N, C-alpha and C. Protein backbone atom coordinates (compact mmCIF):
# COMPACT_ATOMS: atom_id res chain seq x y z
N MET A 1 -6.34 -159.08 -74.79
CA MET A 1 -5.39 -158.57 -73.85
C MET A 1 -4.83 -159.84 -73.12
N LEU A 2 -3.53 -159.75 -73.02
CA LEU A 2 -2.83 -160.84 -72.32
C LEU A 2 -2.39 -160.35 -70.93
N LYS A 3 -2.97 -160.90 -69.94
CA LYS A 3 -2.78 -160.46 -68.54
C LYS A 3 -1.45 -161.12 -68.04
N VAL A 4 -0.67 -160.38 -67.18
CA VAL A 4 0.58 -160.89 -66.72
C VAL A 4 0.63 -160.71 -65.17
N TYR A 5 1.05 -161.75 -64.45
CA TYR A 5 1.23 -161.71 -63.06
C TYR A 5 2.58 -162.27 -62.79
N GLY A 6 3.45 -161.63 -62.08
CA GLY A 6 4.70 -162.16 -61.74
C GLY A 6 5.39 -161.53 -60.57
N VAL A 7 6.35 -162.29 -59.92
CA VAL A 7 7.18 -161.83 -58.88
C VAL A 7 8.61 -161.85 -59.34
N GLY A 8 9.26 -160.67 -59.17
CA GLY A 8 10.64 -160.59 -59.52
C GLY A 8 11.37 -159.52 -58.86
N ASN A 9 12.62 -159.38 -59.29
CA ASN A 9 13.44 -158.26 -58.75
C ASN A 9 13.74 -157.16 -59.80
N ILE A 10 13.69 -155.93 -59.36
CA ILE A 10 13.92 -154.81 -60.30
C ILE A 10 15.42 -154.89 -60.69
N ALA A 11 15.70 -154.87 -62.02
CA ALA A 11 16.96 -155.16 -62.45
C ALA A 11 17.63 -153.90 -63.10
N SER A 12 16.98 -152.75 -62.96
CA SER A 12 17.52 -151.52 -63.50
C SER A 12 17.17 -150.35 -62.58
N ASP A 13 17.91 -149.29 -62.69
CA ASP A 13 17.60 -148.13 -61.94
C ASP A 13 16.29 -147.50 -62.31
N ILE A 14 15.64 -146.83 -61.43
CA ILE A 14 14.34 -146.26 -61.75
C ILE A 14 14.45 -144.72 -61.67
N GLU A 15 13.99 -144.11 -62.76
CA GLU A 15 13.99 -142.63 -62.85
C GLU A 15 12.55 -142.22 -63.26
N LEU A 16 11.97 -141.39 -62.40
CA LEU A 16 10.67 -140.81 -62.69
C LEU A 16 10.77 -139.79 -63.82
N LYS A 17 9.98 -139.93 -64.87
CA LYS A 17 10.05 -139.10 -66.02
C LYS A 17 8.62 -138.50 -66.29
N SER A 18 8.48 -137.60 -67.18
CA SER A 18 7.18 -137.00 -67.55
C SER A 18 7.11 -136.89 -69.08
N THR A 19 5.90 -137.05 -69.57
CA THR A 19 5.66 -136.87 -71.05
C THR A 19 5.59 -135.43 -71.29
N GLN A 20 5.42 -135.00 -72.52
CA GLN A 20 5.25 -133.56 -72.86
C GLN A 20 3.95 -133.02 -72.29
N SER A 21 3.01 -133.90 -72.07
CA SER A 21 1.69 -133.60 -71.42
C SER A 21 1.75 -133.58 -69.90
N ASN A 22 3.00 -133.69 -69.35
CA ASN A 22 3.23 -133.70 -67.96
C ASN A 22 2.59 -134.90 -67.29
N ILE A 23 2.50 -136.11 -67.92
CA ILE A 23 2.02 -137.30 -67.25
C ILE A 23 3.32 -138.07 -66.78
N SER A 24 3.31 -138.43 -65.53
CA SER A 24 4.55 -139.12 -64.97
C SER A 24 4.57 -140.59 -65.38
N PHE A 25 5.76 -141.08 -65.51
CA PHE A 25 5.91 -142.49 -65.80
C PHE A 25 7.26 -142.97 -65.42
N VAL A 26 7.42 -144.23 -65.23
CA VAL A 26 8.75 -144.90 -65.03
C VAL A 26 8.69 -146.10 -65.91
N ASN A 27 9.90 -146.48 -66.53
CA ASN A 27 10.06 -147.76 -67.13
C ASN A 27 11.31 -148.36 -66.58
N PHE A 28 11.30 -149.67 -66.36
CA PHE A 28 12.37 -150.40 -65.67
C PHE A 28 12.25 -151.80 -66.11
N THR A 29 13.33 -152.53 -65.85
CA THR A 29 13.46 -153.98 -66.14
C THR A 29 13.27 -154.79 -64.90
N VAL A 30 12.50 -155.85 -65.03
CA VAL A 30 12.28 -156.80 -63.83
C VAL A 30 12.84 -158.16 -64.33
N ALA A 31 13.56 -158.84 -63.42
CA ALA A 31 14.05 -160.11 -63.57
C ALA A 31 13.15 -161.11 -62.97
N PHE A 32 12.55 -162.01 -63.83
CA PHE A 32 11.67 -163.07 -63.33
C PHE A 32 12.35 -164.39 -63.44
N ASN A 33 12.51 -165.04 -62.35
CA ASN A 33 13.14 -166.39 -62.31
C ASN A 33 12.13 -167.50 -62.72
N ARG A 34 12.45 -168.29 -63.65
CA ARG A 34 11.53 -169.43 -64.07
C ARG A 34 11.51 -170.39 -62.96
N GLN A 35 10.45 -171.16 -62.82
CA GLN A 35 10.29 -172.21 -61.80
C GLN A 35 11.07 -173.48 -62.07
N TYR A 36 11.41 -173.72 -63.32
CA TYR A 36 12.09 -174.93 -63.65
C TYR A 36 13.50 -174.65 -63.99
N LYS A 37 14.31 -175.77 -64.02
CA LYS A 37 15.78 -175.61 -64.31
C LYS A 37 16.04 -176.19 -65.73
N ASN A 38 17.06 -175.79 -66.38
CA ASN A 38 17.35 -176.25 -67.69
C ASN A 38 18.18 -177.56 -67.58
N ALA A 39 18.55 -178.10 -68.70
CA ALA A 39 19.29 -179.41 -68.77
C ALA A 39 20.54 -179.45 -67.88
N GLN A 40 21.15 -178.23 -67.69
CA GLN A 40 22.33 -178.21 -66.77
C GLN A 40 22.00 -177.98 -65.33
N GLY A 41 20.74 -177.97 -64.99
CA GLY A 41 20.35 -177.81 -63.64
C GLY A 41 20.30 -176.41 -63.14
N GLU A 42 20.40 -175.44 -64.07
CA GLU A 42 20.43 -174.01 -63.69
C GLU A 42 19.12 -173.41 -63.90
N SER A 43 18.77 -172.37 -62.98
CA SER A 43 17.52 -171.68 -63.15
C SER A 43 17.77 -170.70 -64.29
N GLU A 44 16.73 -170.46 -65.06
CA GLU A 44 16.74 -169.40 -66.08
C GLU A 44 15.98 -168.20 -65.61
N THR A 45 16.36 -167.04 -66.17
CA THR A 45 15.73 -165.75 -65.77
C THR A 45 15.26 -165.05 -67.04
N ASP A 46 14.10 -164.49 -66.99
CA ASP A 46 13.60 -163.63 -68.07
C ASP A 46 13.59 -162.22 -67.61
N PHE A 47 14.06 -161.38 -68.46
CA PHE A 47 14.07 -159.90 -68.17
C PHE A 47 12.99 -159.24 -69.01
N LEU A 48 12.05 -158.61 -68.34
CA LEU A 48 10.93 -157.89 -69.10
C LEU A 48 10.95 -156.40 -68.69
N ARG A 49 10.71 -155.63 -69.69
CA ARG A 49 10.59 -154.16 -69.45
C ARG A 49 9.17 -153.93 -68.91
N VAL A 50 9.08 -153.08 -67.90
CA VAL A 50 7.79 -152.71 -67.35
C VAL A 50 7.63 -151.20 -67.41
N ILE A 51 6.46 -150.76 -67.69
CA ILE A 51 6.20 -149.31 -67.63
C ILE A 51 4.92 -149.10 -66.71
N ALA A 52 5.06 -148.03 -65.88
CA ALA A 52 3.98 -147.65 -64.99
C ALA A 52 3.69 -146.16 -65.17
N TRP A 53 2.46 -145.83 -65.02
CA TRP A 53 2.03 -144.43 -65.34
C TRP A 53 1.42 -143.79 -64.12
N ARG A 54 1.43 -142.44 -64.10
CA ARG A 54 0.77 -141.55 -63.16
C ARG A 54 1.16 -141.81 -61.68
N GLY A 55 0.11 -142.01 -60.79
CA GLY A 55 0.39 -142.15 -59.41
C GLY A 55 1.18 -143.46 -59.11
N LEU A 56 0.92 -144.49 -59.89
CA LEU A 56 1.65 -145.72 -59.69
C LEU A 56 3.18 -145.50 -59.99
N SER A 57 3.46 -144.76 -61.01
CA SER A 57 4.86 -144.47 -61.32
C SER A 57 5.52 -143.66 -60.24
N GLU A 58 4.83 -142.76 -59.60
CA GLU A 58 5.38 -142.01 -58.48
C GLU A 58 5.66 -142.91 -57.28
N ASN A 59 4.76 -143.84 -57.02
CA ASN A 59 5.02 -144.71 -55.84
C ASN A 59 6.22 -145.61 -56.02
N VAL A 60 6.25 -146.19 -57.33
CA VAL A 60 7.33 -147.05 -57.65
C VAL A 60 8.73 -146.35 -57.55
N ALA A 61 8.79 -145.06 -58.08
CA ALA A 61 10.02 -144.25 -58.02
C ALA A 61 10.35 -143.98 -56.55
N LYS A 62 9.34 -143.74 -55.67
CA LYS A 62 9.58 -143.37 -54.33
C LYS A 62 10.09 -144.57 -53.44
N TYR A 63 9.41 -145.77 -53.64
CA TYR A 63 9.65 -146.85 -52.71
C TYR A 63 10.45 -147.97 -53.27
N CYS A 64 10.88 -147.98 -54.56
CA CYS A 64 11.61 -149.04 -55.16
C CYS A 64 12.97 -148.64 -55.62
N LYS A 65 13.82 -149.49 -55.78
CA LYS A 65 15.15 -149.28 -56.32
C LYS A 65 15.65 -150.56 -57.00
N LYS A 66 16.75 -150.55 -57.60
CA LYS A 66 17.32 -151.67 -58.20
C LYS A 66 17.54 -152.76 -57.14
N GLY A 67 17.05 -153.94 -57.39
CA GLY A 67 17.15 -155.06 -56.43
C GLY A 67 15.89 -155.38 -55.64
N SER A 68 14.95 -154.39 -55.67
CA SER A 68 13.69 -154.56 -54.88
C SER A 68 12.85 -155.63 -55.47
N LYS A 69 12.23 -156.47 -54.52
CA LYS A 69 11.41 -157.51 -54.90
C LYS A 69 9.97 -156.93 -55.06
N VAL A 70 9.29 -157.20 -56.25
CA VAL A 70 8.00 -156.68 -56.55
C VAL A 70 7.07 -157.74 -57.20
N PHE A 71 5.76 -157.49 -56.93
CA PHE A 71 4.79 -158.27 -57.66
C PHE A 71 4.20 -157.36 -58.72
N ILE A 72 4.21 -157.85 -59.96
CA ILE A 72 3.70 -156.98 -60.99
C ILE A 72 2.45 -157.66 -61.54
N GLU A 73 1.40 -156.84 -61.75
CA GLU A 73 0.18 -157.20 -62.45
C GLU A 73 -0.07 -156.22 -63.58
N GLY A 74 -0.25 -156.74 -64.73
CA GLY A 74 -0.41 -155.87 -65.95
C GLY A 74 -0.78 -156.61 -67.16
N TYR A 75 -0.47 -155.96 -68.27
CA TYR A 75 -0.79 -156.65 -69.55
C TYR A 75 0.44 -156.41 -70.57
N ILE A 76 0.60 -157.33 -71.48
CA ILE A 76 1.65 -157.19 -72.45
C ILE A 76 1.21 -156.33 -73.61
N THR A 77 2.07 -155.50 -74.08
CA THR A 77 1.87 -154.67 -75.25
C THR A 77 3.08 -154.59 -76.10
N THR A 78 2.87 -154.33 -77.40
CA THR A 78 4.00 -154.28 -78.34
C THR A 78 3.79 -152.95 -79.06
N ARG A 79 4.91 -152.25 -79.21
CA ARG A 79 4.90 -150.94 -79.93
C ARG A 79 6.15 -150.97 -80.81
N ASN A 80 6.22 -149.99 -81.72
CA ASN A 80 7.37 -149.86 -82.57
C ASN A 80 7.63 -148.36 -82.88
N TYR A 81 8.89 -148.16 -83.20
CA TYR A 81 9.28 -146.83 -83.64
C TYR A 81 10.47 -146.94 -84.60
N GLU A 82 10.75 -145.81 -85.26
CA GLU A 82 11.84 -145.84 -86.18
C GLU A 82 13.06 -145.20 -85.62
N LYS A 83 14.16 -145.74 -85.84
CA LYS A 83 15.44 -145.23 -85.38
C LYS A 83 16.54 -145.55 -86.48
N ASP A 84 17.10 -144.49 -87.00
CA ASP A 84 18.17 -144.57 -88.00
C ASP A 84 17.68 -145.49 -89.23
N GLY A 85 16.43 -145.26 -89.56
CA GLY A 85 15.91 -145.99 -90.69
C GLY A 85 15.45 -147.44 -90.42
N ASN A 86 15.60 -147.81 -89.17
CA ASN A 86 15.24 -149.24 -88.83
C ASN A 86 13.96 -149.10 -87.96
N THR A 87 13.11 -150.19 -88.11
CA THR A 87 11.95 -150.24 -87.25
C THR A 87 12.32 -151.08 -86.01
N ILE A 88 12.13 -150.48 -84.87
CA ILE A 88 12.44 -151.09 -83.54
C ILE A 88 11.18 -151.54 -82.92
N TYR A 89 11.07 -152.83 -82.54
CA TYR A 89 9.90 -153.32 -81.88
C TYR A 89 10.15 -153.49 -80.44
N VAL A 90 9.21 -153.15 -79.55
CA VAL A 90 9.37 -153.20 -78.15
C VAL A 90 8.14 -153.96 -77.55
N THR A 91 8.46 -155.02 -76.75
CA THR A 91 7.39 -155.67 -76.02
C THR A 91 7.64 -155.38 -74.59
N GLU A 92 6.60 -154.92 -73.94
CA GLU A 92 6.75 -154.55 -72.49
C GLU A 92 5.42 -154.89 -71.79
N VAL A 93 5.56 -154.85 -70.46
CA VAL A 93 4.42 -155.07 -69.55
C VAL A 93 3.96 -153.67 -69.03
N VAL A 94 2.70 -153.34 -69.34
CA VAL A 94 2.18 -152.09 -68.76
C VAL A 94 1.50 -152.46 -67.39
N ALA A 95 2.12 -151.92 -66.28
CA ALA A 95 1.69 -152.35 -64.95
C ALA A 95 0.39 -151.64 -64.62
N ASP A 96 -0.58 -152.43 -64.09
CA ASP A 96 -1.78 -151.97 -63.51
C ASP A 96 -1.64 -151.86 -62.04
N ASN A 97 -0.72 -152.71 -61.52
CA ASN A 97 -0.61 -152.85 -60.05
C ASN A 97 0.88 -153.32 -59.75
N VAL A 98 1.46 -152.65 -58.84
CA VAL A 98 2.86 -152.98 -58.36
C VAL A 98 2.80 -153.07 -56.89
N GLN A 99 3.11 -154.25 -56.30
CA GLN A 99 3.12 -154.42 -54.88
C GLN A 99 4.58 -154.60 -54.55
N PHE A 100 4.95 -153.76 -53.51
CA PHE A 100 6.36 -153.81 -53.01
C PHE A 100 6.48 -154.89 -51.97
N LEU A 101 7.33 -155.84 -52.19
CA LEU A 101 7.43 -157.07 -51.29
C LEU A 101 8.62 -156.95 -50.31
N ASP A 102 9.38 -155.93 -50.40
CA ASP A 102 10.49 -155.77 -49.53
C ASP A 102 9.95 -154.97 -48.35
N LYS A 103 10.61 -155.18 -47.13
CA LYS A 103 10.27 -154.37 -45.99
C LYS A 103 11.06 -153.13 -45.99
N ARG A 104 10.45 -152.07 -45.54
CA ARG A 104 11.18 -150.77 -45.52
C ARG A 104 12.23 -150.75 -44.44
N GLU A 105 13.39 -150.35 -44.77
CA GLU A 105 14.49 -150.46 -43.79
C GLU A 105 14.84 -149.07 -43.19
N ASP A 106 14.29 -148.05 -43.59
CA ASP A 106 14.63 -146.66 -43.11
C ASP A 106 13.96 -146.41 -41.81
N SER A 107 14.70 -146.40 -40.75
CA SER A 107 14.14 -146.17 -39.40
C SER A 107 13.65 -144.80 -39.11
N ASN A 108 14.06 -143.85 -39.97
CA ASN A 108 13.51 -142.46 -39.81
C ASN A 108 12.10 -142.36 -40.36
N HIS A 109 11.66 -143.38 -41.10
CA HIS A 109 10.27 -143.24 -41.63
C HIS A 109 9.57 -144.55 -41.26
N PRO A 110 8.95 -144.59 -40.09
CA PRO A 110 8.23 -145.86 -39.76
C PRO A 110 7.12 -146.16 -40.68
N GLN A 111 6.95 -147.51 -40.79
CA GLN A 111 5.93 -147.93 -41.69
C GLN A 111 4.49 -147.53 -41.29
N THR A 112 3.69 -147.09 -42.20
CA THR A 112 2.34 -146.82 -41.92
C THR A 112 1.50 -147.83 -42.64
N ASP A 113 0.17 -147.90 -42.34
CA ASP A 113 -0.63 -148.83 -43.03
C ASP A 113 -0.62 -148.58 -44.50
N GLU A 114 -0.55 -147.31 -44.92
CA GLU A 114 -0.56 -146.99 -46.36
C GLU A 114 0.69 -147.53 -46.97
N GLN A 115 1.87 -147.42 -46.36
CA GLN A 115 3.10 -147.99 -46.95
C GLN A 115 3.15 -149.48 -47.00
N ILE A 116 2.56 -150.09 -45.97
CA ILE A 116 2.51 -151.54 -45.99
C ILE A 116 1.57 -152.04 -47.05
N ASP A 117 0.40 -151.39 -47.23
CA ASP A 117 -0.57 -151.76 -48.37
C ASP A 117 -0.13 -150.74 -49.50
N ASN A 118 0.95 -151.03 -50.18
CA ASN A 118 1.45 -150.06 -51.06
C ASN A 118 1.14 -150.37 -52.51
N THR A 119 0.00 -150.93 -52.85
CA THR A 119 -0.39 -150.99 -54.17
C THR A 119 -0.98 -149.71 -54.62
N TYR A 120 -0.96 -149.42 -55.90
CA TYR A 120 -1.51 -148.21 -56.38
C TYR A 120 -2.98 -148.09 -56.14
N LYS A 121 -3.69 -149.25 -56.12
CA LYS A 121 -5.09 -149.16 -55.89
C LYS A 121 -5.42 -148.69 -54.54
N HIS A 122 -4.48 -148.68 -53.62
CA HIS A 122 -4.72 -148.21 -52.18
C HIS A 122 -5.96 -148.60 -51.57
N GLN A 123 -6.19 -149.84 -51.51
CA GLN A 123 -7.34 -150.32 -50.84
C GLN A 123 -7.16 -150.18 -49.37
N LYS A 124 -7.41 -148.95 -48.88
CA LYS A 124 -7.02 -148.63 -47.49
C LYS A 124 -7.96 -149.45 -46.49
N THR A 125 -7.29 -150.08 -45.56
CA THR A 125 -7.95 -150.76 -44.49
C THR A 125 -7.80 -149.97 -43.21
N TYR A 126 -8.81 -150.19 -42.35
CA TYR A 126 -8.84 -149.46 -41.13
C TYR A 126 -8.76 -150.40 -40.03
N ASN A 127 -7.95 -150.10 -38.97
CA ASN A 127 -7.78 -151.00 -37.84
C ASN A 127 -9.08 -150.79 -36.93
N VAL A 128 -9.85 -151.87 -36.85
CA VAL A 128 -11.02 -151.82 -35.93
C VAL A 128 -10.63 -152.60 -34.68
N PRO A 129 -10.80 -151.99 -33.55
CA PRO A 129 -10.40 -152.66 -32.35
C PRO A 129 -11.20 -154.01 -32.21
N LYS A 130 -10.46 -155.04 -31.91
CA LYS A 130 -11.04 -156.33 -31.76
C LYS A 130 -11.70 -156.50 -30.39
N LYS A 131 -12.85 -157.15 -30.44
CA LYS A 131 -13.58 -157.40 -29.17
C LYS A 131 -12.98 -158.61 -28.49
N SER A 132 -13.14 -158.62 -27.15
CA SER A 132 -12.69 -159.80 -26.48
C SER A 132 -13.60 -161.00 -26.90
N SER A 133 -13.21 -162.20 -26.65
CA SER A 133 -13.96 -163.36 -27.06
C SER A 133 -15.29 -163.41 -26.45
N GLU A 134 -15.46 -162.87 -25.15
CA GLU A 134 -16.74 -162.83 -24.56
C GLU A 134 -17.72 -161.85 -25.16
N GLU A 135 -17.08 -160.66 -25.58
CA GLU A 135 -17.85 -159.60 -26.24
C GLU A 135 -18.39 -160.02 -27.63
N GLN A 136 -17.58 -160.83 -28.29
CA GLN A 136 -17.82 -161.26 -29.69
C GLN A 136 -19.09 -162.02 -29.74
N PHE A 137 -19.38 -162.83 -28.67
CA PHE A 137 -20.52 -163.67 -28.67
C PHE A 137 -21.74 -163.21 -27.89
N GLU A 138 -21.49 -162.00 -27.31
CA GLU A 138 -22.66 -161.41 -26.60
C GLU A 138 -23.67 -160.96 -27.63
N SER A 139 -24.89 -161.09 -27.24
CA SER A 139 -26.05 -160.82 -28.14
C SER A 139 -26.93 -159.61 -27.52
N ASN A 140 -27.42 -158.77 -28.36
CA ASN A 140 -28.24 -157.73 -27.82
C ASN A 140 -29.70 -158.18 -27.89
N VAL A 141 -29.96 -159.47 -28.27
CA VAL A 141 -31.33 -159.99 -28.32
C VAL A 141 -31.67 -160.42 -26.90
N ASP A 142 -32.90 -159.98 -26.45
CA ASP A 142 -33.37 -160.31 -25.12
C ASP A 142 -34.36 -161.43 -25.36
N ALA A 143 -33.90 -162.71 -25.36
CA ALA A 143 -34.88 -163.76 -25.57
C ALA A 143 -34.53 -164.94 -24.64
N ASP A 144 -35.54 -165.67 -24.19
CA ASP A 144 -35.42 -166.84 -23.44
C ASP A 144 -35.18 -168.05 -24.37
N ASN A 145 -34.42 -168.98 -23.95
CA ASN A 145 -34.14 -170.13 -24.79
C ASN A 145 -35.35 -170.87 -25.18
N ASP A 146 -36.48 -170.83 -24.43
CA ASP A 146 -37.67 -171.51 -24.76
C ASP A 146 -38.41 -170.78 -25.91
N GLU A 147 -38.05 -169.51 -26.16
CA GLU A 147 -38.75 -168.73 -27.23
C GLU A 147 -38.05 -168.93 -28.55
N LEU A 148 -36.79 -169.54 -28.54
CA LEU A 148 -36.07 -169.69 -29.82
C LEU A 148 -36.70 -170.83 -30.65
N PRO A 149 -36.75 -170.66 -31.97
CA PRO A 149 -37.43 -171.70 -32.83
C PRO A 149 -36.63 -172.94 -33.08
N PHE A 150 -35.41 -173.11 -32.53
CA PHE A 150 -34.59 -174.31 -32.78
C PHE A 150 -34.07 -174.81 -31.50
C-alpha cells in the first residue's frame, strides 16, 4: 500500500452520490502545489482524483466546495474499466481522512467543537475547565517536608 499525505485545494465541484447498495461516496479532484519551481521559476501543480466513502463522503459534501483547502490522508489505488472497446485506467487516492482547513464563514451556523475537529475519525475532545496556577500545584497529600524521602 502506498500511503499519501497532502494539502491542496479542491479543484472540482462535489456531488454526494450512492452506489446501488446505497453506500454514499464523493469523488473530486484536488490540486496539490509542488514545493519546488521548474526551470522557468514557476510552481507546478498536480491534480489527483480523490474518492471518499460513507460518513467521510457525507462530511466532505456538507463542509467542502470547489476551492476549499483540505488535508488528505489516504492510499493510491489503480482500477480499470472498459469504455467503447478501450480499457481506461484510473489512478486515484482513496481518502481515509479529510481535514477541512478553511474556517467556516456562515454566521448562521457557529462553529462547534465537532466542526472544528472535522476529520472523519471524529476524535472528540472535551473542554475541561483549567485550574488556576495555584490549584494546579496543590496536593492532597498531607505530609511534612521532613517526611519526604528527598
